[in-house]
Each structure stands twice: as structure tokens, then as C-alpha cells.
Amino acid sequence: MTKRSLGKVAGYIQIIPSFVLILFRMMGVFLRFRSASRKSSKYFEKGLIDKGVTKEQAKEIARVYKRGRY
């Protein structure tokens, strides 16, 4: 191997630990987001039921709200 190709390999080896750290941080952010989404959809469903929507309809609307799709 030439010095140039060894330099590229060393560069990749230095990037791998940084990538793993970023991956763990992003997973933590994702899990917090999912937890907040789950809690807010429960409050939303409860509010719909309090306003007179049937439980089945409220559950379906809250599911759509939680997934963020219409």
C-alpha cells in the first residue's frame, strides 16, 4: 500500500468513532421525540372525548395525529 492509501484508511478509522457517537445522540433525540409524541396524542385523544367525540373516532384521530399524517 502506498502512503496515500494508508492516509485514507487512517482517515476513515478516525471518522468511525465520531459516527458512532453521533448515532447514539440522534437515537436519544429520536426516543425523546417519540415519547413526547405519545404523550401529546393521549392528551389530544382525551380532549376529543371530553368534547363529545366517540372513543373509536377519537382513537383513530389521535393515531393519525401521532403519526403526523392526514
PDB file of N, CA and C in Angstrom:
ATOM      1  N   MET A   1       0.837  -1.179   0.000  1.00  0.00           N
ATOM      2  CA  MET A   1       0.000   0.000   0.000  1.00  0.00           C
ATOM      3  C   MET A   1       0.881   1.241   0.000  1.00  0.00           C
ATOM      4  N   THR A   2       0.403   2.228  -0.652  1.00  0.00           N
ATOM      5  CA  THR A   2       1.164   3.476  -0.701  1.00  0.00           C
ATOM      6  C   THR A   2       0.817   4.327   0.516  1.00  0.00           C
ATOM      7  N   LYS A   3       1.629   5.357   0.709  1.00  0.00           N
ATOM      8  CA  LYS A   3       1.369   6.261   1.840  1.00  0.00           C
ATOM      9  C   LYS A   3       0.023   6.962   1.685  1.00  0.00           C
ATOM     10  N   ARG A   4      -0.311   7.251   0.442  1.00  0.00           N
ATOM     11  CA  ARG A   4      -1.569   7.956   0.196  1.00  0.00           C
ATOM     12  C   ARG A   4      -2.776   7.091   0.584  1.00  0.00           C
ATOM     13  N   SER A   5      -2.756   5.830   0.203  1.00  0.00           N
ATOM     14  CA  SER A   5      -3.885   4.961   0.543  1.00  0.00           C
ATOM     15  C   SER A   5      -3.921   4.668   2.040  1.00  0.00           C
ATOM     16  N   LEU A   6      -2.758   4.606   2.687  1.00  0.00           N
ATOM     17  CA  LEU A   6      -2.736   4.430   4.137  1.00  0.00           C
ATOM     18  C   LEU A   6      -3.337   5.646   4.837  1.00  0.00           C
ATOM     19  N   GLY A   7      -3.103   6.817   4.299  1.00  0.00           N
ATOM     20  CA  GLY A   7      -3.684   8.033   4.870  1.00  0.00           C
ATOM     21  C   GLY A   7      -5.195   8.035   4.792  1.00  0.00           C
ATOM     22  N   LYS A   8      -5.739   7.534   3.675  1.00  0.00           N
ATOM     23  CA  LYS A   8      -7.199   7.453   3.530  1.00  0.00           C
ATOM     24  C   LYS A   8      -7.791   6.477   4.542  1.00  0.00           C
ATOM     25  N   VAL A   9      -7.138   5.327   4.717  1.00  0.00           N
ATOM     26  CA  VAL A   9      -7.622   4.333   5.666  1.00  0.00           C
ATOM     27  C   VAL A   9      -7.586   4.900   7.082  1.00  0.00           C
ATOM     28  N   ALA A  10      -6.511   5.595   7.424  1.00  0.00           N
ATOM     29  CA  ALA A  10      -6.407   6.197   8.753  1.00  0.00           C
ATOM     30  C   ALA A  10      -7.495   7.248   8.950  1.00  0.00           C
ATOM     31  N   GLY A  11      -7.819   7.978   7.901  1.00  0.00           N
ATOM     32  CA  GLY A  11      -8.889   8.975   7.981  1.00  0.00           C
ATOM     33  C   GLY A  11     -10.233   8.332   8.255  1.00  0.00           C
ATOM     34  N   TYR A  12     -10.499   7.217   7.576  1.00  0.00           N
ATOM     35  CA  TYR A  12     -11.757   6.508   7.806  1.00  0.00           C
ATOM     36  C   TYR A  12     -11.834   5.949   9.221  1.00  0.00           C
ATOM     37  N   ILE A  13     -10.719   5.450   9.711  1.00  0.00           N
ATOM     38  CA  ILE A  13     -10.687   4.887  11.059  1.00  0.00           C
ATOM     39  C   ILE A  13     -10.946   5.974  12.100  1.00  0.00           C
ATOM     40  N   GLN A  14     -10.514   7.187  11.842  1.00  0.00           N
ATOM     41  CA  GLN A  14     -10.762   8.289  12.773  1.00  0.00           C
ATOM     42  C   GLN A  14     -12.223   8.727  12.744  1.00  0.00           C
ATOM     43  N   ILE A  15     -12.883   8.569  11.629  1.00  0.00           N
ATOM     44  CA  ILE A  15     -14.273   9.009  11.482  1.00  0.00           C
ATOM     45  C   ILE A  15     -15.243   8.047  12.178  1.00  0.00           C
ATOM     46  N   ILE A  16     -14.930   6.776  12.208  1.00  0.00           N
ATOM     47  CA  ILE A  16     -15.854   5.764  12.742  1.00  0.00           C
ATOM     48  C   ILE A  16     -16.282   6.049  14.183  1.00  0.00           C
ATOM     49  N   PRO A  17     -15.387   6.356  15.124  1.00  0.00           N
ATOM     50  CA  PRO A  17     -15.867   6.653  16.495  1.00  0.00           C
ATOM     51  C   PRO A  17     -16.778   7.877  16.551  1.00  0.00           C
ATOM     52  N   SER A  18     -16.492   8.877  15.735  1.00  0.00           N
ATOM     53  CA  SER A  18     -17.356  10.064  15.702  1.00  0.00           C
ATOM     54  C   SER A  18     -18.736   9.699  15.188  1.00  0.00           C
ATOM     55  N   PHE A  19     -18.783   8.858  14.182  1.00  0.00           N
ATOM     56  CA  PHE A  19     -20.056   8.439  13.614  1.00  0.00           C
ATOM     57  C   PHE A  19     -20.893   7.686  14.641  1.00  0.00           C
ATOM     58  N   VAL A  20     -20.275   6.804  15.407  1.00  0.00           N
ATOM     59  CA  VAL A  20     -20.986   6.042  16.431  1.00  0.00           C
ATOM     60  C   VAL A  20     -21.551   6.978  17.499  1.00  0.00           C
ATOM     61  N   LEU A  21     -20.778   7.964  17.914  1.00  0.00           N
ATOM     62  CA  LEU A  21     -21.238   8.928  18.912  1.00  0.00           C
ATOM     63  C   LEU A  21     -22.433   9.732  18.391  1.00  0.00           C
ATOM     64  N   ILE A  22     -22.351  10.182  17.166  1.00  0.00           N
ATOM     65  CA  ILE A  22     -23.464  10.932  16.564  1.00  0.00           C
ATOM     66  C   ILE A  22     -24.702  10.048  16.469  1.00  0.00           C
ATOM     67  N   LEU A  23     -24.517   8.786  16.123  1.00  0.00           N
ATOM     68  CA  LEU A  23     -25.635   7.860  16.019  1.00  0.00           C
ATOM     69  C   LEU A  23     -26.342   7.688  17.364  1.00  0.00           C
ATOM     70  N   PHE A  24     -25.584   7.529  18.438  1.00  0.00           N
ATOM     71  CA  PHE A  24     -26.192   7.394  19.770  1.00  0.00           C
ATOM     72  C   PHE A  24     -26.929   8.671  20.183  1.00  0.00           C
ATOM     73  N   ARG A  25     -26.349   9.815  19.889  1.00  0.00           N
ATOM     74  CA  ARG A  25     -27.021  11.081  20.243  1.00  0.00           C
ATOM     75  C   ARG A  25     -28.329  11.237  19.474  1.00  0.00           C
ATOM     76  N   MET A  26     -28.303  10.907  18.197  1.00  0.00           N
ATOM     77  CA  MET A  26     -29.519  11.043  17.396  1.00  0.00           C
ATOM     78  C   MET A  26     -30.588  10.058  17.848  1.00  0.00           C
ATOM     79  N   MET A  27     -30.172   8.883  18.299  1.00  0.00           N
ATOM     80  CA  MET A  27     -31.136   7.907  18.811  1.00  0.00           C
ATOM     81  C   MET A  27     -31.803   8.436  20.071  1.00  0.00           C
ATOM     82  N   GLY A  28     -31.042   9.090  20.936  1.00  0.00           N
ATOM     83  CA  GLY A  28     -31.616   9.685  22.140  1.00  0.00           C
ATOM     84  C   GLY A  28     -32.632  10.764  21.813  1.00  0.00           C
ATOM     85  N   VAL A  29     -32.303  11.606  20.849  1.00  0.00           N
ATOM     86  CA  VAL A  29     -33.230  12.663  20.425  1.00  0.00           C
ATOM     87  C   VAL A  29     -34.498  12.039  19.851  1.00  0.00           C
ATOM     88  N   PHE A  30     -34.329  11.005  19.042  1.00  0.00           N
ATOM     89  CA  PHE A  30     -35.478  10.331  18.442  1.00  0.00           C
ATOM     90  C   PHE A  30     -36.390   9.726  19.507  1.00  0.00           C
ATOM     91  N   LEU A  31     -35.806   9.072  20.501  1.00  0.00           N
ATOM     92  CA  LEU A  31     -36.619   8.454  21.558  1.00  0.00           C
ATOM     93  C   LEU A  31     -37.351   9.501  22.385  1.00  0.00           C
ATOM     94  N   ARG A  32     -36.712  10.641  22.663  1.00  0.00           N
ATOM     95  CA  ARG A  32     -37.410  11.717  23.387  1.00  0.00           C
ATOM     96  C   ARG A  32     -38.561  12.262  22.557  1.00  0.00           C
ATOM     97  N   PHE A  33     -38.346  12.407  21.264  1.00  0.00           N
ATOM     98  CA  PHE A  33     -39.397  12.891  20.376  1.00  0.00           C
ATOM     99  C   PHE A  33     -40.576  11.929  20.361  1.00  0.00           C
ATOM    100  N   ARG A  34     -40.297  10.622  20.271  1.00  0.00           N
ATOM    101  CA  ARG A  34     -41.366   9.634  20.257  1.00  0.00           C
ATOM    102  C   ARG A  34     -42.151   9.638  21.564  1.00  0.00           C
ATOM    103  N   SER A  35     -41.454   9.808  22.681  1.00  0.00           N
ATOM    104  CA  SER A  35     -42.118   9.849  23.974  1.00  0.00           C
ATOM    105  C   SER A  35     -43.044  11.057  24.066  1.00  0.00           C
ATOM    106  N   ALA A  36     -42.557  12.202  23.630  1.00  0.00           N
ATOM    107  CA  ALA A  36     -43.386  13.420  23.648  1.00  0.00           C
ATOM    108  C   ALA A  36     -44.582  13.268  22.717  1.00  0.00           C
ATOM    109  N   SER A  37     -44.377  12.653  21.578  1.00  0.00           N
ATOM    110  CA  SER A  37     -45.462  12.436  20.622  1.00  0.00           C
ATOM    111  C   SER A  37     -46.536  11.535  21.223  1.00  0.00           C
ATOM    112  N   ARG A  38     -46.119  10.482  21.905  1.00  0.00           N
ATOM    113  CA  ARG A  38     -47.060   9.549  22.524  1.00  0.00           C
ATOM    114  C   ARG A  38     -47.883  10.255  23.598  1.00  0.00           C
ATOM    115  N   LYS A  39     -47.224  11.055  24.432  1.00  0.00           N
ATOM    116  CA  LYS A  39     -47.931  11.764  25.499  1.00  0.00           C
ATOM    117  C   LYS A  39     -48.926  12.770  24.929  1.00  0.00           C
ATOM    118  N   SER A  40     -48.497  13.518  23.927  1.00  0.00           N
ATOM    119  CA  SER A  40     -49.383  14.540  23.373  1.00  0.00           C
ATOM    120  C   SER A  40     -50.587  13.913  22.677  1.00  0.00           C
ATOM    121  N   SER A  41     -50.408  12.755  22.052  1.00  0.00           N
ATOM    122  CA  SER A  41     -51.550  12.120  21.398  1.00  0.00           C
ATOM    123  C   SER A  41     -52.559  11.617  22.432  1.00  0.00           C
ATOM    124  N   LYS A  42     -52.084  11.199  23.605  1.00  0.00           N
ATOM    125  CA  LYS A  42     -53.010  10.791  24.670  1.00  0.00           C
ATOM    126  C   LYS A  42     -53.831  11.977  25.161  1.00  0.00           C
ATOM    127  N   TYR A  43     -53.184  13.129  25.354  1.00  0.00           N
ATOM    128  CA  TYR A  43     -53.906  14.332  25.781  1.00  0.00           C
ATOM    129  C   TYR A  43     -54.897  14.767  24.703  1.00  0.00           C
ATOM    130  N   PHE A  44     -54.482  14.664  23.454  1.00  0.00           N
ATOM    131  CA  PHE A  44     -55.346  15.038  22.339  1.00  0.00           C
ATOM    132  C   PHE A  44     -56.579  14.138  22.299  1.00  0.00           C
ATOM    133  N   GLU A  45     -56.363  12.826  22.457  1.00  0.00           N
ATOM    134  CA  GLU A  45     -57.482  11.882  22.458  1.00  0.00           C
ATOM    135  C   GLU A  45     -58.429  12.174  23.616  1.00  0.00           C
ATOM    136  N   LYS A  46     -57.888  12.427  24.785  1.00  0.00           N
ATOM    137  CA  LYS A  46     -58.726  12.729  25.949  1.00  0.00           C
ATOM    138  C   LYS A  46     -59.544  14.006  25.719  1.00  0.00           C
ATOM    139  N   GLY A  47     -58.912  15.005  25.115  1.00  0.00           N
ATOM    140  CA  GLY A  47     -59.629  16.249  24.811  1.00  0.00           C
ATOM    141  C   GLY A  47     -60.757  16.030  23.823  1.00  0.00           C
ATOM    142  N   LEU A  48     -60.530  15.181  22.829  1.00  0.00           N
ATOM    143  CA  LEU A  48     -61.591  14.888  21.864  1.00  0.00           C
ATOM    144  C   LEU A  48     -62.763  14.188  22.540  1.00  0.00           C
ATOM    145  N   ILE A  49     -62.462  13.245  23.407  1.00  0.00           N
ATOM    146  CA  ILE A  49     -63.529  12.519  24.122  1.00  0.00           C
ATOM    147  C   ILE A  49     -64.301  13.487  25.009  1.00  0.00           C
ATOM    148  N   ASP A  50     -63.601  14.411  25.663  1.00  0.00           N
ATOM    149  CA  ASP A  50     -64.269  15.402  26.510  1.00  0.00           C
ATOM    150  C   ASP A  50     -65.188  16.314  25.695  1.00  0.00           C
ATOM    151  N   LYS A  51     -64.846  16.536  24.430  1.00  0.00           N
ATOM    152  CA  LYS A  51     -65.663  17.404  23.570  1.00  0.00           C
ATOM    153  C   LYS A  51     -66.840  16.675  22.937  1.00  0.00           C
ATOM    154  N   GLY A  52     -66.939  15.346  23.142  1.00  0.00           N
ATOM    155  CA  GLY A  52     -68.104  14.622  22.662  1.00  0.00           C
ATOM    156  C   GLY A  52     -67.856  13.676  21.505  1.00  0.00           C
ATOM    157  N   VAL A  53     -66.621  13.497  21.103  1.00  0.00           N
ATOM    158  CA  VAL A  53     -66.314  12.559  20.023  1.00  0.00           C
ATOM    159  C   VAL A  53     -66.312  11.150  20.612  1.00  0.00           C
ATOM    160  N   THR A  54     -66.798  10.169  19.843  1.00  0.00           N
ATOM    161  CA  THR A  54     -66.825   8.800  20.347  1.00  0.00           C
ATOM    162  C   THR A  54     -65.397   8.290  20.554  1.00  0.00           C
ATOM    163  N   LYS A  55     -65.280   7.279  21.407  1.00  0.00           N
ATOM    164  CA  LYS A  55     -63.949   6.741  21.731  1.00  0.00           C
ATOM    165  C   LYS A  55     -63.249   6.179  20.497  1.00  0.00           C
ATOM    166  N   GLU A  56     -63.985   5.485  19.649  1.00  0.00           N
ATOM    167  CA  GLU A  56     -63.389   4.890  18.454  1.00  0.00           C
ATOM    168  C   GLU A  56     -62.867   5.970  17.512  1.00  0.00           C
ATOM    169  N   GLN A  57     -63.692   6.997  17.296  1.00  0.00           N
ATOM    170  CA  GLN A  57     -63.269   8.089  16.421  1.00  0.00           C
ATOM    171  C   GLN A  57     -62.083   8.839  17.022  1.00  0.00           C
ATOM    172  N   ALA A  58     -62.142   9.084  18.316  1.00  0.00           N
ATOM    173  CA  ALA A  58     -61.057   9.811  18.984  1.00  0.00           C
ATOM    174  C   ALA A  58     -59.754   9.026  18.901  1.00  0.00           C
ATOM    175  N   LYS A  59     -59.854   7.712  19.062  1.00  0.00           N
ATOM    176  CA  LYS A  59     -58.652   6.868  18.986  1.00  0.00           C
ATOM    177  C   LYS A  59     -58.050   6.918  17.582  1.00  0.00           C
ATOM    178  N   GLU A  60     -58.895   6.867  16.564  1.00  0.00           N
ATOM    179  CA  GLU A  60     -58.416   6.915  15.182  1.00  0.00           C
ATOM    180  C   GLU A  60     -57.794   8.280  14.856  1.00  0.00           C
ATOM    181  N   ILE A  61     -58.456   9.338  15.272  1.00  0.00           N
ATOM    182  CA  ILE A  61     -57.929  10.686  15.018  1.00  0.00           C
ATOM    183  C   ILE A  61     -56.612  10.890  15.758  1.00  0.00           C
ATOM    184  N   ALA A  62     -56.532  10.413  16.989  1.00  0.00           N
ATOM    185  CA  ALA A  62     -55.293  10.539  17.762  1.00  0.00           C
ATOM    186  C   ALA A  62     -54.172   9.729  17.132  1.00  0.00           C
ATOM    187  N   ARG A  63     -54.495   8.573  16.559  1.00  0.00           N
ATOM    188  CA  ARG A  63     -53.481   7.761  15.883  1.00  0.00           C
ATOM    189  C   ARG A  63     -52.915   8.499  14.676  1.00  0.00           C
ATOM    190  N   VAL A  64     -53.802   9.127  13.904  1.00  0.00           N
ATOM    191  CA  VAL A  64     -53.358   9.906  12.745  1.00  0.00           C
ATOM    192  C   VAL A  64     -52.527  11.106  13.215  1.00  0.00           C
ATOM    193  N   TYR A  65     -52.966  11.757  14.289  1.00  0.00           N
ATOM    194  CA  TYR A  65     -52.240  12.892  14.843  1.00  0.00           C
ATOM    195  C   TYR A  65     -50.837  12.482  15.296  1.00  0.00           C
ATOM    196  N   LYS A  66     -50.754  11.323  15.927  1.00  0.00           N
ATOM    197  CA  LYS A  66     -49.475  10.832  16.442  1.00  0.00           C
ATOM    198  C   LYS A  66     -48.511  10.509  15.301  1.00  0.00           C
ATOM    199  N   ARG A  67     -49.016   9.928  14.246  1.00  0.00           N
ATOM    200  CA  ARG A  67     -48.159   9.566  13.121  1.00  0.00           C
ATOM    201  C   ARG A  67     -47.801  10.775  12.274  1.00  0.00           C
ATOM    202  N   GLY A  68     -48.567  11.857  12.383  1.00  0.00           N
ATOM    203  CA  GLY A  68     -48.257  13.069  11.638  1.00  0.00           C
ATOM    204  C   GLY A  68     -48.667  13.021  10.192  1.00  0.00           C
ATOM    205  N   ARG A  69     -49.618  12.158   9.886  1.00  0.00           N
ATOM    206  CA  ARG A  69     -50.106  12.038   8.509  1.00  0.00           C
ATOM    207  C   ARG A  69     -51.594  12.318   8.491  1.00  0.00           C
ATOM    208  N   TYR A  70     -52.085  12.796   7.367  1.00  0.00           N
ATOM    209  CA  TYR A  70     -53.520  13.079   7.266  1.00  0.00           C
ATOM    210  C   TYR A  70     -54.176  11.966   6.496  1.00  0.00           C
TER     211      TYR A  70
END
